[in-house]
N, C-alpha and C. Protein backbone atom coordinates (compact mmCIF):
# COMPACT_ATOMS: atom_id res chain seq x y z
N MET A 1 3.53 6.68 -12.21
CA MET A 1 2.23 6.91 -12.90
C MET A 1 1.22 7.63 -11.64
N ALA A 2 0.75 8.57 -11.75
CA ALA A 2 -0.06 9.12 -10.49
C ALA A 2 -1.64 8.78 -10.76
N LEU A 3 -2.15 7.82 -10.11
CA LEU A 3 -3.39 7.48 -10.22
C LEU A 3 -4.36 7.36 -8.94
N ALA A 4 -5.36 8.16 -9.11
CA ALA A 4 -6.13 8.30 -7.98
C ALA A 4 -7.77 8.52 -8.28
N LEU A 5 -8.33 7.44 -7.48
CA LEU A 5 -9.91 7.67 -7.78
C LEU A 5 -10.59 8.63 -7.03
N ARG A 6 -11.11 9.50 -7.44
CA ARG A 6 -11.63 10.61 -6.60
C ARG A 6 -12.75 10.18 -5.46
N LYS A 7 -13.60 9.41 -5.73
CA LYS A 7 -14.46 8.88 -4.64
C LYS A 7 -14.84 7.46 -4.84
N VAL A 8 -15.65 7.07 -4.12
CA VAL A 8 -16.13 5.55 -4.39
C VAL A 8 -17.17 5.41 -5.22
N LYS A 9 -16.86 5.14 -6.57
CA LYS A 9 -17.66 5.15 -7.67
C LYS A 9 -16.80 4.07 -8.53
N TYR A 10 -17.44 3.17 -9.33
CA TYR A 10 -16.66 2.14 -9.95
C TYR A 10 -16.41 2.76 -11.20
N ARG A 11 -17.24 3.69 -11.86
CA ARG A 11 -16.67 4.11 -13.16
C ARG A 11 -17.26 5.91 -13.07
N TYR A 12 -16.55 6.69 -13.63
CA TYR A 12 -16.65 8.02 -13.92
C TYR A 12 -16.82 8.33 -15.37
N THR A 13 -17.41 9.54 -15.52
CA THR A 13 -17.79 10.00 -16.92
C THR A 13 -17.36 11.38 -16.95
N TYR A 14 -17.39 12.18 -18.21
CA TYR A 14 -17.39 13.44 -18.28
C TYR A 14 -18.20 14.19 -17.84
N GLY A 15 -19.58 13.65 -17.35
CA GLY A 15 -20.49 14.35 -16.62
C GLY A 15 -20.08 14.71 -15.55
N ASP A 16 -19.53 13.77 -14.88
CA ASP A 16 -18.99 13.63 -13.39
C ASP A 16 -17.65 14.92 -13.47
N TYR A 17 -16.96 14.56 -14.17
CA TYR A 17 -15.67 15.44 -14.32
C TYR A 17 -16.10 17.03 -14.52
N LEU A 18 -17.26 17.25 -15.06
CA LEU A 18 -17.68 18.71 -15.18
C LEU A 18 -18.10 19.22 -13.93
N HIS A 19 -18.48 18.74 -13.00
CA HIS A 19 -18.96 19.06 -11.70
C HIS A 19 -17.72 18.97 -10.68
N TRP A 20 -16.88 18.55 -10.87
CA TRP A 20 -15.49 18.72 -9.98
C TRP A 20 -15.06 20.06 -10.18
N ASP A 21 -14.88 20.26 -8.69
CA ASP A 21 -14.35 22.02 -8.40
C ASP A 21 -13.24 22.18 -7.60
N ASP A 22 -12.64 21.02 -7.68
CA ASP A 22 -11.17 21.41 -6.54
C ASP A 22 -10.18 21.70 -7.82
N SER A 23 -9.07 22.17 -7.05
CA SER A 23 -8.06 22.83 -7.88
C SER A 23 -7.09 21.59 -8.79
N ARG A 24 -7.19 20.32 -8.27
CA ARG A 24 -6.66 19.70 -9.01
C ARG A 24 -6.99 19.07 -10.58
N ARG A 25 -5.90 18.83 -11.26
CA ARG A 25 -6.19 18.52 -12.78
C ARG A 25 -6.41 16.82 -12.97
N TRP A 26 -7.46 16.54 -13.86
CA TRP A 26 -8.00 15.13 -13.59
C TRP A 26 -8.05 14.74 -15.14
N GLU A 27 -7.65 13.43 -15.40
CA GLU A 27 -8.02 12.62 -16.51
C GLU A 27 -9.02 11.66 -16.42
N ILE A 28 -9.82 11.13 -17.34
CA ILE A 28 -10.67 9.98 -17.05
C ILE A 28 -10.36 9.12 -17.99
N ILE A 29 -9.73 7.74 -17.84
CA ILE A 29 -9.54 6.89 -18.98
C ILE A 29 -10.33 5.64 -18.65
N ASP A 30 -11.34 5.18 -19.45
CA ASP A 30 -12.08 4.09 -19.31
C ASP A 30 -12.88 3.92 -17.87
N GLY A 31 -13.29 4.95 -17.59
CA GLY A 31 -13.94 5.29 -16.44
C GLY A 31 -13.04 5.46 -15.10
N GLU A 32 -11.66 5.26 -15.07
CA GLU A 32 -10.88 5.49 -14.09
C GLU A 32 -10.24 6.92 -13.94
N ALA A 33 -10.33 7.60 -13.08
CA ALA A 33 -9.85 9.03 -12.64
C ALA A 33 -8.49 8.97 -12.28
N TYR A 34 -7.57 9.61 -13.20
CA TYR A 34 -6.19 9.87 -13.11
C TYR A 34 -5.95 11.57 -12.46
N ASP A 35 -5.00 11.37 -11.48
CA ASP A 35 -4.81 12.57 -10.75
C ASP A 35 -3.63 13.29 -11.54
N MET A 36 -3.65 14.52 -12.28
CA MET A 36 -2.79 14.99 -13.11
C MET A 36 -1.74 15.95 -12.40
N SER A 37 -2.04 16.11 -10.85
CA SER A 37 -1.18 17.14 -10.23
C SER A 37 0.19 16.46 -10.17
N PRO A 38 1.31 17.20 -9.93
CA PRO A 38 1.08 18.59 -9.88
C PRO A 38 1.44 19.36 -11.19
N ALA A 39 1.54 20.58 -11.35
CA ALA A 39 1.63 21.24 -12.73
C ALA A 39 2.84 20.81 -13.45
N PRO A 40 2.96 20.89 -14.61
CA PRO A 40 4.27 20.59 -15.62
C PRO A 40 5.15 21.62 -15.07
N THR A 41 6.28 21.42 -15.07
CA THR A 41 7.54 22.04 -14.86
C THR A 41 7.80 22.92 -16.11
N ARG A 42 8.72 24.06 -15.62
CA ARG A 42 9.09 25.04 -16.67
C ARG A 42 9.78 24.64 -17.85
N ARG A 43 10.69 23.48 -17.76
CA ARG A 43 11.14 22.91 -18.94
C ARG A 43 10.16 22.22 -19.95
N HIS A 44 9.16 21.54 -19.36
CA HIS A 44 7.94 20.98 -19.65
C HIS A 44 7.36 21.89 -20.39
N GLN A 45 7.02 23.23 -20.19
CA GLN A 45 6.19 24.33 -20.54
C GLN A 45 6.94 24.84 -21.79
N ARG A 46 8.25 24.92 -21.51
CA ARG A 46 9.07 25.90 -22.47
C ARG A 46 9.21 25.02 -24.00
N ILE A 47 9.20 23.59 -23.88
CA ILE A 47 9.28 22.80 -24.95
C ILE A 47 7.97 22.70 -25.59
N SER A 48 6.78 22.69 -24.60
CA SER A 48 5.47 22.92 -25.09
C SER A 48 5.13 24.02 -25.93
N ILE A 49 5.76 25.07 -25.68
CA ILE A 49 5.62 26.50 -26.38
C ILE A 49 6.17 26.48 -27.71
N GLU A 50 7.37 25.98 -27.53
CA GLU A 50 8.12 25.92 -29.08
C GLU A 50 7.64 24.94 -29.92
N LEU A 51 6.84 23.78 -29.51
CA LEU A 51 6.50 23.13 -30.33
C LEU A 51 5.20 23.80 -31.09
N VAL A 52 4.36 24.28 -30.14
CA VAL A 52 3.00 24.77 -30.43
C VAL A 52 3.54 26.02 -31.38
N ARG A 53 4.70 26.77 -31.26
CA ARG A 53 4.96 28.00 -32.08
C ARG A 53 5.12 27.46 -33.41
N GLN A 54 5.89 26.26 -33.47
CA GLN A 54 6.20 25.92 -35.14
C GLN A 54 5.23 25.47 -35.57
N LEU A 55 4.39 24.42 -34.88
CA LEU A 55 3.00 24.03 -35.31
C LEU A 55 2.17 25.17 -36.07
N SER A 56 2.06 26.19 -35.22
CA SER A 56 1.05 27.17 -35.51
C SER A 56 1.61 27.96 -36.59
N ASN A 57 2.96 28.39 -36.68
CA ASN A 57 3.39 29.29 -37.83
C ASN A 57 3.09 28.50 -39.03
N TYR A 58 3.20 27.28 -39.02
CA TYR A 58 2.85 26.44 -40.22
C TYR A 58 1.32 26.64 -40.42
N LEU A 59 0.57 26.49 -39.56
CA LEU A 59 -1.05 26.39 -39.75
C LEU A 59 -1.73 27.49 -40.19
N VAL A 60 -0.93 28.81 -40.09
CA VAL A 60 -1.65 29.89 -40.64
C VAL A 60 -2.40 29.99 -41.83
N GLY A 61 -3.60 30.26 -41.49
CA GLY A 61 -4.33 30.14 -43.07
C GLY A 61 -4.70 28.84 -43.27
N LYS A 62 -4.37 27.62 -42.75
CA LYS A 62 -5.07 26.36 -43.07
C LYS A 62 -6.11 25.91 -42.28
N LYS A 63 -6.60 24.76 -42.51
CA LYS A 63 -7.84 24.53 -41.67
C LYS A 63 -7.62 23.85 -40.20
N CYS A 64 -6.47 23.13 -40.20
CA CYS A 64 -6.05 22.45 -38.91
C CYS A 64 -5.58 23.54 -37.76
N GLU A 65 -5.98 23.24 -36.55
CA GLU A 65 -5.44 24.07 -35.50
C GLU A 65 -4.72 23.23 -34.43
N ALA A 66 -3.73 24.20 -33.73
CA ALA A 66 -3.10 23.36 -32.66
C ALA A 66 -3.43 23.96 -31.64
N TYR A 67 -3.52 23.16 -30.34
CA TYR A 67 -3.99 23.55 -29.06
C TYR A 67 -3.07 22.70 -27.96
N SER A 68 -2.63 23.56 -26.78
CA SER A 68 -1.94 23.13 -25.76
C SER A 68 -2.93 22.96 -24.46
N ALA A 69 -2.63 22.06 -23.51
CA ALA A 69 -3.35 21.98 -22.53
C ALA A 69 -3.17 23.25 -21.35
N PRO A 70 -4.36 23.40 -20.57
CA PRO A 70 -5.47 22.56 -20.64
C PRO A 70 -6.63 22.68 -21.73
N PHE A 71 -6.96 21.47 -22.27
CA PHE A 71 -7.73 21.15 -23.54
C PHE A 71 -8.37 20.02 -23.36
N ASP A 72 -9.75 19.99 -23.19
CA ASP A 72 -10.43 18.62 -22.82
C ASP A 72 -10.50 17.96 -24.25
N VAL A 73 -10.22 16.66 -24.36
CA VAL A 73 -10.33 15.77 -25.50
C VAL A 73 -11.20 14.71 -24.87
N VAL A 74 -12.55 14.74 -25.46
CA VAL A 74 -13.54 13.84 -25.00
C VAL A 74 -13.62 12.94 -25.91
N LEU A 75 -13.51 11.40 -25.45
CA LEU A 75 -13.44 10.33 -26.50
C LEU A 75 -14.47 9.28 -26.50
N PRO A 76 -15.82 9.90 -26.63
CA PRO A 76 -17.00 8.63 -26.59
C PRO A 76 -16.76 7.52 -27.50
N VAL A 77 -17.24 6.16 -27.13
CA VAL A 77 -17.48 5.31 -28.03
C VAL A 77 -18.75 5.47 -28.49
N LEU A 78 -18.97 4.54 -29.55
CA LEU A 78 -20.36 4.50 -30.19
C LEU A 78 -21.46 4.32 -29.48
N GLY A 79 -22.42 5.24 -29.29
CA GLY A 79 -23.57 5.15 -28.73
C GLY A 79 -23.65 6.10 -27.53
N GLU A 80 -22.53 6.68 -27.28
CA GLU A 80 -22.46 7.59 -25.76
C GLU A 80 -22.54 9.08 -26.60
N ASN A 81 -23.08 9.72 -25.84
CA ASN A 81 -23.14 11.34 -25.88
C ASN A 81 -21.72 11.93 -25.44
N GLU A 82 -21.48 12.94 -25.42
CA GLU A 82 -20.26 13.57 -24.84
C GLU A 82 -20.32 13.39 -23.17
N GLU A 83 -21.38 13.98 -22.69
CA GLU A 83 -21.55 13.55 -20.98
C GLU A 83 -21.26 12.12 -20.42
N GLU A 84 -21.73 11.34 -21.47
CA GLU A 84 -21.65 10.00 -21.13
C GLU A 84 -20.43 9.15 -21.38
N SER A 85 -19.54 9.92 -21.70
CA SER A 85 -18.28 9.36 -22.23
C SER A 85 -17.37 8.83 -20.96
N GLU A 86 -16.80 7.81 -20.92
CA GLU A 86 -15.85 7.43 -19.89
C GLU A 86 -14.39 7.73 -19.98
N THR A 87 -14.16 8.68 -21.07
CA THR A 87 -12.82 9.05 -21.42
C THR A 87 -12.72 10.58 -21.67
N VAL A 88 -11.98 11.42 -20.72
CA VAL A 88 -11.57 12.52 -21.05
C VAL A 88 -10.13 12.81 -20.93
N VAL A 89 -9.21 13.10 -21.58
CA VAL A 89 -7.71 13.41 -21.45
C VAL A 89 -7.38 14.80 -21.78
N GLN A 90 -6.25 15.31 -21.44
CA GLN A 90 -5.81 16.55 -21.55
C GLN A 90 -4.38 16.22 -22.11
N PRO A 91 -4.12 15.91 -23.51
CA PRO A 91 -2.67 16.01 -23.96
C PRO A 91 -2.05 17.38 -23.91
N ASP A 92 -0.89 17.27 -23.73
CA ASP A 92 -0.07 18.50 -23.98
C ASP A 92 -0.18 19.17 -25.20
N ILE A 93 -0.17 18.58 -26.49
CA ILE A 93 -0.79 19.28 -27.34
C ILE A 93 -1.40 18.53 -28.45
N VAL A 94 -2.37 19.16 -29.26
CA VAL A 94 -3.16 18.38 -30.20
C VAL A 94 -3.46 19.13 -31.41
N VAL A 95 -3.46 18.56 -32.54
CA VAL A 95 -3.64 19.23 -33.79
C VAL A 95 -5.22 18.55 -34.26
N VAL A 96 -6.05 19.57 -34.61
CA VAL A 96 -7.62 19.31 -35.08
C VAL A 96 -7.78 19.87 -36.38
N CYS A 97 -8.13 18.87 -37.02
CA CYS A 97 -8.31 19.33 -38.40
C CYS A 97 -9.73 19.24 -38.85
N ASP A 98 -10.71 18.61 -38.09
CA ASP A 98 -12.02 18.44 -38.44
C ASP A 98 -12.86 19.87 -37.30
N GLN A 99 -13.05 20.89 -38.03
CA GLN A 99 -13.83 21.81 -37.13
C GLN A 99 -15.27 21.51 -36.46
N ARG A 100 -15.61 20.29 -37.17
CA ARG A 100 -16.87 20.16 -36.24
C ARG A 100 -16.48 19.19 -35.14
N LYS A 101 -15.21 18.74 -34.55
CA LYS A 101 -15.08 18.20 -33.18
C LYS A 101 -14.77 19.26 -32.31
N LEU A 102 -14.65 20.53 -32.67
CA LEU A 102 -14.22 21.36 -31.82
C LEU A 102 -15.28 22.25 -30.84
N THR A 103 -15.18 22.05 -29.56
CA THR A 103 -16.44 22.32 -28.53
C THR A 103 -15.59 23.56 -27.79
N LYS A 104 -16.54 24.30 -26.85
CA LYS A 104 -16.29 25.33 -26.07
C LYS A 104 -15.18 25.05 -25.13
N ARG A 105 -15.00 23.78 -24.61
CA ARG A 105 -13.98 23.35 -23.86
C ARG A 105 -12.84 22.69 -24.35
N GLY A 106 -12.83 22.25 -25.71
CA GLY A 106 -11.70 21.39 -26.28
C GLY A 106 -12.67 20.57 -27.52
N CYS A 107 -12.31 19.57 -27.78
CA CYS A 107 -12.89 18.68 -28.79
C CYS A 107 -13.40 17.31 -28.40
N THR A 108 -14.30 17.00 -29.05
CA THR A 108 -14.98 15.52 -28.95
C THR A 108 -14.92 14.55 -30.29
N GLY A 109 -14.19 13.97 -29.78
CA GLY A 109 -13.61 12.81 -30.94
C GLY A 109 -11.96 13.05 -31.22
N ALA A 110 -11.48 12.14 -31.73
CA ALA A 110 -9.94 12.02 -31.70
C ALA A 110 -9.41 13.02 -32.82
N PRO A 111 -8.41 13.77 -31.99
CA PRO A 111 -7.31 15.08 -32.93
C PRO A 111 -6.64 13.95 -34.04
N GLU A 112 -6.27 14.64 -35.07
CA GLU A 112 -5.35 13.83 -35.72
C GLU A 112 -4.13 13.90 -35.32
N MET A 113 -3.65 14.64 -34.63
CA MET A 113 -2.34 14.40 -34.09
C MET A 113 -2.18 14.63 -32.41
N VAL A 114 -1.53 13.90 -31.75
CA VAL A 114 -1.54 14.28 -30.23
C VAL A 114 0.04 14.22 -30.00
N ILE A 115 0.50 15.27 -29.16
CA ILE A 115 1.94 15.16 -28.75
C ILE A 115 1.75 14.98 -26.97
N GLU A 116 2.73 14.20 -26.44
CA GLU A 116 2.78 14.06 -25.07
C GLU A 116 4.23 14.30 -24.54
N ILE A 117 4.30 15.00 -23.74
CA ILE A 117 5.63 15.44 -23.03
C ILE A 117 5.94 14.75 -21.91
N LEU A 118 6.78 13.78 -21.96
CA LEU A 118 7.14 12.78 -20.50
C LEU A 118 7.28 13.81 -19.47
N SER A 119 6.90 13.31 -18.15
CA SER A 119 7.32 13.68 -16.74
C SER A 119 7.35 12.35 -16.10
N PRO A 120 8.15 12.32 -14.95
CA PRO A 120 8.32 11.19 -14.09
C PRO A 120 6.89 10.76 -13.80
N SER A 121 5.72 11.52 -13.31
CA SER A 121 4.56 11.16 -12.92
C SER A 121 3.52 10.92 -14.03
N THR A 122 4.05 10.98 -15.30
CA THR A 122 3.33 10.69 -16.26
C THR A 122 3.68 9.52 -17.47
N ALA A 123 4.77 9.27 -17.18
CA ALA A 123 5.77 8.51 -18.23
C ALA A 123 4.95 7.12 -18.38
N VAL A 124 4.68 6.42 -17.46
CA VAL A 124 4.12 5.09 -17.80
C VAL A 124 2.76 5.21 -18.52
N LYS A 125 1.90 6.04 -17.98
CA LYS A 125 0.55 6.19 -18.89
C LYS A 125 0.92 6.87 -19.96
N ASP A 126 2.09 7.75 -20.42
CA ASP A 126 1.88 8.31 -21.73
C ASP A 126 2.44 7.20 -22.89
N LEU A 127 3.31 6.32 -22.22
CA LEU A 127 3.96 5.26 -23.04
C LEU A 127 3.15 4.18 -23.29
N LYS A 128 2.20 4.06 -22.53
CA LYS A 128 1.41 2.32 -22.74
C LYS A 128 0.03 3.00 -22.73
N VAL A 129 -0.64 3.47 -21.60
CA VAL A 129 -2.05 3.49 -21.35
C VAL A 129 -2.66 4.45 -22.40
N LYS A 130 -1.95 5.57 -22.59
CA LYS A 130 -2.63 6.72 -23.51
C LYS A 130 -2.39 6.15 -24.94
N LYS A 131 -1.08 5.88 -25.15
CA LYS A 131 -0.74 5.17 -26.39
C LYS A 131 -1.87 4.30 -26.92
N ASP A 132 -2.28 3.46 -25.90
CA ASP A 132 -3.51 2.47 -26.43
C ASP A 132 -4.74 3.09 -26.59
N LEU A 133 -5.05 4.08 -25.75
CA LEU A 133 -6.32 4.93 -26.03
C LEU A 133 -6.28 5.58 -27.13
N TYR A 134 -5.30 6.27 -27.69
CA TYR A 134 -5.17 6.87 -28.79
C TYR A 134 -5.35 6.02 -29.81
N GLU A 135 -4.65 4.92 -29.84
CA GLU A 135 -4.81 4.10 -31.17
C GLU A 135 -6.09 3.43 -31.37
N ARG A 136 -6.79 3.31 -30.19
CA ARG A 136 -8.39 2.81 -30.33
C ARG A 136 -9.22 3.98 -30.62
N ALA A 137 -8.81 5.02 -30.51
CA ALA A 137 -9.71 6.20 -30.72
C ALA A 137 -9.50 6.62 -32.09
N GLY A 138 -8.52 6.12 -32.68
CA GLY A 138 -8.26 6.84 -34.07
C GLY A 138 -7.25 7.88 -34.57
N VAL A 139 -6.42 8.37 -33.54
CA VAL A 139 -5.57 9.40 -33.58
C VAL A 139 -4.44 8.93 -34.87
N ARG A 140 -4.10 9.74 -35.68
CA ARG A 140 -3.34 9.41 -36.87
C ARG A 140 -1.75 9.50 -36.36
N GLU A 141 -1.31 10.24 -35.49
CA GLU A 141 0.07 10.63 -35.31
C GLU A 141 0.10 10.75 -33.87
N TYR A 142 1.15 10.24 -33.38
CA TYR A 142 1.56 10.53 -32.11
C TYR A 142 2.95 10.53 -31.69
N TRP A 143 3.19 11.80 -31.17
CA TRP A 143 4.43 12.00 -30.75
C TRP A 143 4.81 11.96 -29.28
N ILE A 144 5.61 11.19 -28.73
CA ILE A 144 6.31 11.22 -27.14
C ILE A 144 7.35 12.00 -27.39
N VAL A 145 7.79 12.96 -26.35
CA VAL A 145 8.88 13.83 -26.27
C VAL A 145 9.59 13.58 -24.98
N HIS A 146 10.80 13.44 -24.88
CA HIS A 146 11.30 12.90 -23.80
C HIS A 146 12.33 13.94 -23.17
N PRO A 147 11.81 15.12 -22.27
CA PRO A 147 12.66 16.55 -22.33
C PRO A 147 14.28 16.10 -21.61
N ASP A 148 14.39 15.00 -20.78
CA ASP A 148 15.55 15.08 -20.23
C ASP A 148 16.55 14.28 -21.18
N GLU A 149 16.31 13.22 -21.91
CA GLU A 149 17.21 12.48 -22.88
C GLU A 149 16.96 13.21 -24.18
N LYS A 150 16.21 14.27 -24.53
CA LYS A 150 16.19 14.80 -25.76
C LYS A 150 16.01 13.84 -27.11
N TRP A 151 14.77 13.09 -26.89
CA TRP A 151 14.61 12.31 -28.09
C TRP A 151 13.00 12.39 -28.10
N VAL A 152 12.56 12.08 -29.38
CA VAL A 152 10.95 12.08 -29.75
C VAL A 152 10.73 10.83 -30.56
N ASN A 153 9.88 10.17 -30.04
CA ASN A 153 9.22 9.01 -30.46
C ASN A 153 8.08 9.16 -31.59
N ILE A 154 8.24 8.83 -32.62
CA ILE A 154 6.76 9.28 -33.47
C ILE A 154 6.18 7.95 -33.82
N PHE A 155 5.07 7.92 -33.74
CA PHE A 155 4.08 6.53 -34.15
C PHE A 155 2.87 7.14 -35.17
N LEU A 156 2.73 6.44 -36.22
CA LEU A 156 1.97 6.47 -37.32
C LEU A 156 0.80 5.43 -37.15
N ARG A 157 -0.31 5.81 -37.46
CA ARG A 157 -1.62 4.92 -38.07
C ARG A 157 -0.98 4.05 -39.07
N ASP A 158 -1.01 2.63 -39.06
CA ASP A 158 -0.55 1.90 -40.17
C ASP A 158 -2.05 1.52 -40.72
N GLU A 159 -1.75 0.21 -41.84
CA GLU A 159 -2.74 -0.33 -42.56
C GLU A 159 -3.72 -1.13 -41.47
N LYS A 160 -3.35 -1.72 -40.16
CA LYS A 160 -3.98 -2.33 -39.42
C LYS A 160 -4.56 -1.38 -38.35
N SER A 161 -4.64 -0.18 -38.42
CA SER A 161 -5.15 0.64 -37.39
C SER A 161 -4.25 0.83 -36.11
N LYS A 162 -3.12 0.41 -36.37
CA LYS A 162 -2.41 0.26 -35.20
C LYS A 162 -1.45 1.77 -35.20
N LEU A 163 -1.11 2.17 -33.90
CA LEU A 163 0.15 3.28 -34.05
C LEU A 163 1.50 2.56 -33.98
N ALA A 164 2.12 2.53 -35.21
CA ALA A 164 3.42 1.74 -35.49
C ALA A 164 4.44 2.93 -35.28
N LEU A 165 5.51 2.36 -34.69
CA LEU A 165 6.76 3.42 -34.34
C LEU A 165 7.32 3.66 -35.80
N LEU A 166 7.33 4.57 -36.20
CA LEU A 166 8.39 5.31 -37.31
C LEU A 166 9.68 5.40 -36.98
N GLY A 167 9.87 6.00 -35.89
CA GLY A 167 11.47 6.11 -35.65
C GLY A 167 11.75 7.05 -34.28
N THR A 168 12.78 7.02 -33.94
CA THR A 168 13.31 7.79 -32.44
C THR A 168 14.29 8.99 -33.22
N PHE A 169 14.04 10.09 -32.97
CA PHE A 169 14.48 11.17 -33.30
C PHE A 169 15.24 12.13 -32.27
N SER A 170 16.52 12.73 -32.55
CA SER A 170 17.35 13.44 -31.40
C SER A 170 17.23 14.74 -31.97
N ALA A 171 17.89 15.54 -31.03
CA ALA A 171 17.93 17.25 -31.19
C ALA A 171 18.75 17.51 -32.52
N GLU A 172 19.34 16.75 -33.26
CA GLU A 172 20.11 16.98 -34.39
C GLU A 172 18.88 16.96 -35.79
N ASP A 173 17.88 16.32 -35.37
CA ASP A 173 16.74 15.79 -36.50
C ASP A 173 15.86 16.81 -36.68
N THR A 174 15.18 17.07 -37.83
CA THR A 174 13.93 17.69 -38.08
C THR A 174 12.91 16.64 -38.85
N PRO A 175 12.30 16.00 -38.05
CA PRO A 175 11.23 15.04 -38.47
C PRO A 175 10.01 16.04 -39.16
N GLU A 176 9.38 14.94 -39.98
CA GLU A 176 8.30 15.70 -40.78
C GLU A 176 7.24 15.40 -40.01
N VAL A 177 6.15 16.23 -40.01
CA VAL A 177 4.92 15.95 -39.25
C VAL A 177 4.11 15.31 -40.48
N ASN A 178 3.79 14.01 -40.22
CA ASN A 178 3.13 13.40 -41.63
C ASN A 178 1.84 13.77 -41.93
N ILE A 179 1.24 14.53 -40.86
CA ILE A 179 -0.44 14.81 -41.13
C ILE A 179 -0.15 16.01 -41.52
N LEU A 180 0.74 16.75 -41.50
CA LEU A 180 0.89 18.30 -42.22
C LEU A 180 2.09 18.10 -43.41
N PRO A 181 1.89 17.91 -44.48
CA PRO A 181 2.96 17.70 -45.47
C PRO A 181 3.66 18.92 -45.53
N GLY A 182 4.96 18.95 -45.43
CA GLY A 182 6.02 20.20 -45.74
C GLY A 182 6.44 20.55 -44.71
N LEU A 183 5.65 20.20 -43.32
CA LEU A 183 6.19 20.87 -42.05
C LEU A 183 7.29 19.60 -41.49
N GLN A 184 8.24 20.49 -41.24
CA GLN A 184 9.59 19.69 -40.46
C GLN A 184 9.78 20.43 -39.06
N ILE A 185 9.65 19.72 -37.79
CA ILE A 185 9.91 20.30 -36.75
C ILE A 185 11.56 20.39 -36.54
N ASP A 186 11.87 21.69 -35.94
CA ASP A 186 13.51 21.79 -35.55
C ASP A 186 13.50 21.31 -34.11
N LEU A 187 13.83 20.29 -33.83
CA LEU A 187 14.16 19.67 -32.61
C LEU A 187 15.37 20.28 -31.67
N ALA A 188 16.10 20.86 -32.76
CA ALA A 188 17.40 21.91 -32.21
C ALA A 188 16.72 22.75 -31.21
N GLN A 189 15.63 23.66 -32.14
CA GLN A 189 15.08 24.61 -31.37
C GLN A 189 14.18 24.01 -30.02
N VAL A 190 13.74 22.99 -30.35
CA VAL A 190 12.67 22.57 -29.22
C VAL A 190 13.30 22.27 -27.93
N PHE A 191 14.54 21.41 -28.21
CA PHE A 191 15.29 21.32 -26.92
C PHE A 191 16.19 22.37 -26.28
N ALA A 192 16.53 23.32 -27.41
CA ALA A 192 17.47 24.54 -26.94
C ALA A 192 16.46 25.25 -26.07
N ALA A 193 15.24 25.27 -25.99
CA ALA A 193 14.47 25.92 -25.11
C ALA A 193 14.64 25.45 -23.73
N SER A 194 14.61 24.13 -23.76
CA SER A 194 14.89 23.39 -22.42
C SER A 194 16.26 23.65 -21.71
N ALA A 195 17.63 23.56 -22.77
CA ALA A 195 18.61 23.76 -22.40
C ALA A 195 18.86 25.17 -21.73
N TRP A 196 18.42 26.26 -22.65
CA TRP A 196 18.61 27.66 -22.14
C TRP A 196 18.04 27.86 -20.67
N MET A 197 16.89 27.22 -20.57
CA MET A 197 16.38 27.14 -19.01
C MET A 197 17.18 26.89 -17.70
N GLU A 198 17.83 25.55 -18.35
CA GLU A 198 18.69 24.76 -17.48
C GLU A 198 19.97 25.64 -17.25
N GLU A 199 20.38 26.40 -17.97
CA GLU A 199 21.68 27.32 -18.07
C GLU A 199 21.24 28.51 -17.35
N THR A 200 20.16 29.22 -17.52
CA THR A 200 19.73 30.19 -16.71
C THR A 200 19.54 29.96 -15.40
N LEU A 201 18.90 28.95 -14.99
CA LEU A 201 18.67 28.56 -13.51
C LEU A 201 20.27 28.29 -12.74
N GLU A 202 21.17 27.63 -13.68
CA GLU A 202 22.30 27.32 -12.85
C GLU A 202 22.86 28.69 -12.63
N LYS A 203 22.98 29.74 -13.59
CA LYS A 203 23.73 30.87 -13.49
C LYS A 203 23.02 31.69 -12.15
N ASN A 204 21.54 31.69 -12.10
CA ASN A 204 20.99 32.49 -11.29
C ASN A 204 20.85 31.70 -9.45
N LYS A 205 21.24 30.39 -9.73
CA LYS A 205 21.44 29.76 -8.37
C LYS A 205 22.18 30.41 -7.28
N VAL A 206 21.65 30.62 -6.20
CA VAL A 206 22.54 31.06 -4.97
C VAL A 206 22.67 30.03 -4.07
N VAL A 207 23.94 29.98 -3.77
CA VAL A 207 24.34 28.96 -2.65
C VAL A 207 24.48 29.64 -1.26
N HIS A 208 23.72 29.12 -0.01
CA HIS A 208 23.93 29.89 1.00
C HIS A 208 24.49 28.80 2.29
N GLY A 209 25.44 29.48 2.70
CA GLY A 209 25.95 28.72 3.73
C GLY A 209 25.25 28.69 5.26
N PRO A 210 25.80 28.30 5.95
CA PRO A 210 25.12 28.33 7.36
C PRO A 210 24.89 29.75 7.83
N PRO A 211 23.80 29.93 8.60
CA PRO A 211 23.54 31.39 9.01
C PRO A 211 24.85 32.00 9.62
N GLY A 212 25.19 33.29 9.34
CA GLY A 212 26.43 33.92 10.12
C GLY A 212 27.58 33.71 9.62
N THR A 213 27.70 32.77 8.59
CA THR A 213 28.96 32.62 8.08
C THR A 213 29.53 33.53 7.02
N GLY A 214 28.48 34.17 6.42
CA GLY A 214 28.80 35.01 5.31
C GLY A 214 28.77 34.41 3.98
N GLU A 215 28.67 33.21 4.03
CA GLU A 215 28.77 32.48 2.59
C GLU A 215 27.49 32.72 1.83
N GLY A 216 27.56 33.30 0.55
CA GLY A 216 26.28 33.27 -0.05
C GLY A 216 25.22 34.79 0.38
N GLU A 217 25.75 35.21 1.33
CA GLU A 217 24.84 36.12 1.99
C GLU A 217 25.36 37.56 1.04
């Protein structure tokens, strides 16, 4: 997990975040700044695009909307205004059904659904820190996608307001999006996007031998 405080200050807010002008990507969780660099891999992006495609096709003409990062999700606690909030995250994908939450830069308040795609630098944070955050904020459905091992963990908000594990689904499955009745996600298509990219990279790989040997030249 990449964690870096931007400068000497004990807690950061969304107001601070709005004035940061460097090229890095940041999240703030409970006042701590997390460095989101480097940018997601191509595999990560292809999986994200396919998930958003399936969600968006279903949502045509419906009140809910799907968005992908970069998209600011500000989660103020009771009594805080937006800029006072000590939490702003950029989930890989969100579904927002309450249009009043949408802002120019993203949304303020919990989305109905969040999807995070794991990477080595964010895995611990996505599996624990952000799951706990989304649980506290009131997210109703949370998906964690593992690109390498090709599985998805689905968590649903239960009667105790906890995000409880519904199950783990593989590339052969078509799990239902519980907040969107009738929509099933074709995970074969989701992970096929990743597999296609790996195959293409392998075919296009050029192996170079030592200079002057003629190998790969």
